[in-house]
Amino acid sequence: MNKKPLHFPCQFPIKIMGPAEEAFEKAVIVILSKHVPDLSDQAIQRQYSKHQKYLSITASFEATDQQQLDALYQELTQHPLVVMVL
């Protein structure tokens, strides 16, 4: 697969999946806000799984550099309620 390198700053979507629990949603928002301080509520979309067991949170934001993305992915994937980050 031929991946094109990112050119910063750039619009970047990130999808985080976990249990459909308030604690998961709150944790994700706190982490996102830490790494993307100017993230607006309109930039966040929520989608529940068919049986409402899981919640997918997609945030679209302007990424400033690779270090920002790496730190964000690392903190999200280390959280115990986060099942997957895409």
Protein backbone atom coordinates (compact mmCIF):
# COMPACT_ATOMS: atom_id res chain seq x y z
CA MET A 1 0.00 0.00 0.00
CA ASN A 2 1.32 3.42 -0.95
CA LYS A 3 0.68 5.81 1.94
CA LYS A 4 1.03 9.53 1.33
CA PRO A 5 2.78 11.45 4.10
CA LEU A 6 0.73 13.98 6.00
CA HIS A 7 1.49 17.64 5.45
CA PHE A 8 0.84 19.71 8.55
CA PRO A 9 -1.28 21.44 9.50
CA CYS A 10 -4.05 19.25 8.07
CA GLN A 11 -7.61 18.18 8.75
CA PHE A 12 -7.52 14.84 10.54
CA PRO A 13 -10.37 12.52 11.59
CA ILE A 14 -9.86 10.11 14.47
CA LYS A 15 -12.34 7.41 15.52
CA ILE A 16 -12.39 6.00 19.04
CA MET A 17 -14.49 2.99 19.99
CA GLY A 18 -15.46 1.67 23.40
CA PRO A 19 -18.39 0.64 25.57
CA ALA A 20 -21.54 2.74 25.43
CA GLU A 21 -20.90 4.11 28.91
CA GLU A 22 -20.77 7.67 30.18
CA ALA A 23 -17.31 7.02 31.67
CA PHE A 24 -15.92 6.10 28.23
CA GLU A 25 -17.35 9.18 26.56
CA LYS A 26 -16.11 11.50 29.31
CA ALA A 27 -12.61 9.97 29.25
CA VAL A 28 -12.33 10.35 25.48
CA ILE A 29 -13.48 13.99 25.59
CA VAL A 30 -10.94 14.79 28.32
CA ILE A 31 -8.11 13.19 26.34
CA LEU A 32 -9.14 14.87 23.09
CA SER A 33 -9.39 18.26 24.82
CA LYS A 34 -5.91 17.82 26.28
CA HIS A 35 -4.32 17.26 22.86
CA VAL A 36 -6.67 19.44 20.78
CA PRO A 37 -7.54 22.37 23.06
CA ASP A 38 -9.65 24.22 20.47
CA LEU A 39 -11.83 21.19 19.59
CA SER A 40 -15.46 22.26 19.23
CA ASP A 41 -18.55 20.22 20.09
CA GLN A 42 -19.54 20.37 16.40
CA ALA A 43 -16.31 18.53 15.48
CA ILE A 44 -17.38 15.46 17.48
CA GLN A 45 -19.81 12.84 16.20
CA ARG A 46 -21.22 9.93 18.19
CA GLN A 47 -22.54 6.68 16.76
CA TYR A 48 -23.93 3.75 18.75
CA SER A 49 -23.62 0.17 17.58
CA LYS A 50 -26.72 -1.69 16.39
CA HIS A 51 -27.48 -3.08 19.85
CA GLN A 52 -26.29 0.04 21.72
CA LYS A 53 -23.45 -1.90 23.35
CA TYR A 54 -20.62 0.19 21.86
CA LEU A 55 -20.09 3.86 21.12
CA SER A 56 -17.94 5.26 18.34
CA ILE A 57 -16.70 8.82 18.75
CA THR A 58 -15.26 10.54 15.68
CA ALA A 59 -13.45 13.83 16.08
CA SER A 60 -12.26 15.91 13.12
CA PHE A 61 -9.70 18.58 13.85
CA GLU A 62 -6.71 20.41 12.44
CA ALA A 63 -3.63 18.43 13.40
CA THR A 64 -0.58 20.59 13.96
CA ASP A 65 2.18 17.96 13.72
CA GLN A 66 3.01 14.26 13.94
CA GLN A 67 3.97 14.55 17.62
CA GLN A 68 0.46 15.74 18.46
CA LEU A 69 -1.08 12.72 16.70
CA ASP A 70 1.37 10.27 18.25
CA ALA A 71 0.71 11.58 21.77
CA LEU A 72 -3.06 11.51 21.21
CA TYR A 73 -3.03 7.93 19.87
CA GLN A 74 -0.77 6.77 22.69
CA GLU A 75 -2.94 8.21 25.45
CA LEU A 76 -6.17 6.96 23.88
CA THR A 77 -4.91 3.42 23.29
CA GLN A 78 -3.60 3.19 26.86
CA HIS A 79 -6.98 4.03 28.39
CA PRO A 80 -8.66 0.86 29.75
CA LEU A 81 -12.11 1.70 28.32
CA VAL A 82 -10.88 2.33 24.78
CA VAL A 83 -11.33 -0.75 22.60
CA MET A 84 -9.98 0.61 19.29
CA VAL A 85 -8.60 3.80 17.75
CA LEU A 86 -8.61 4.39 13.99
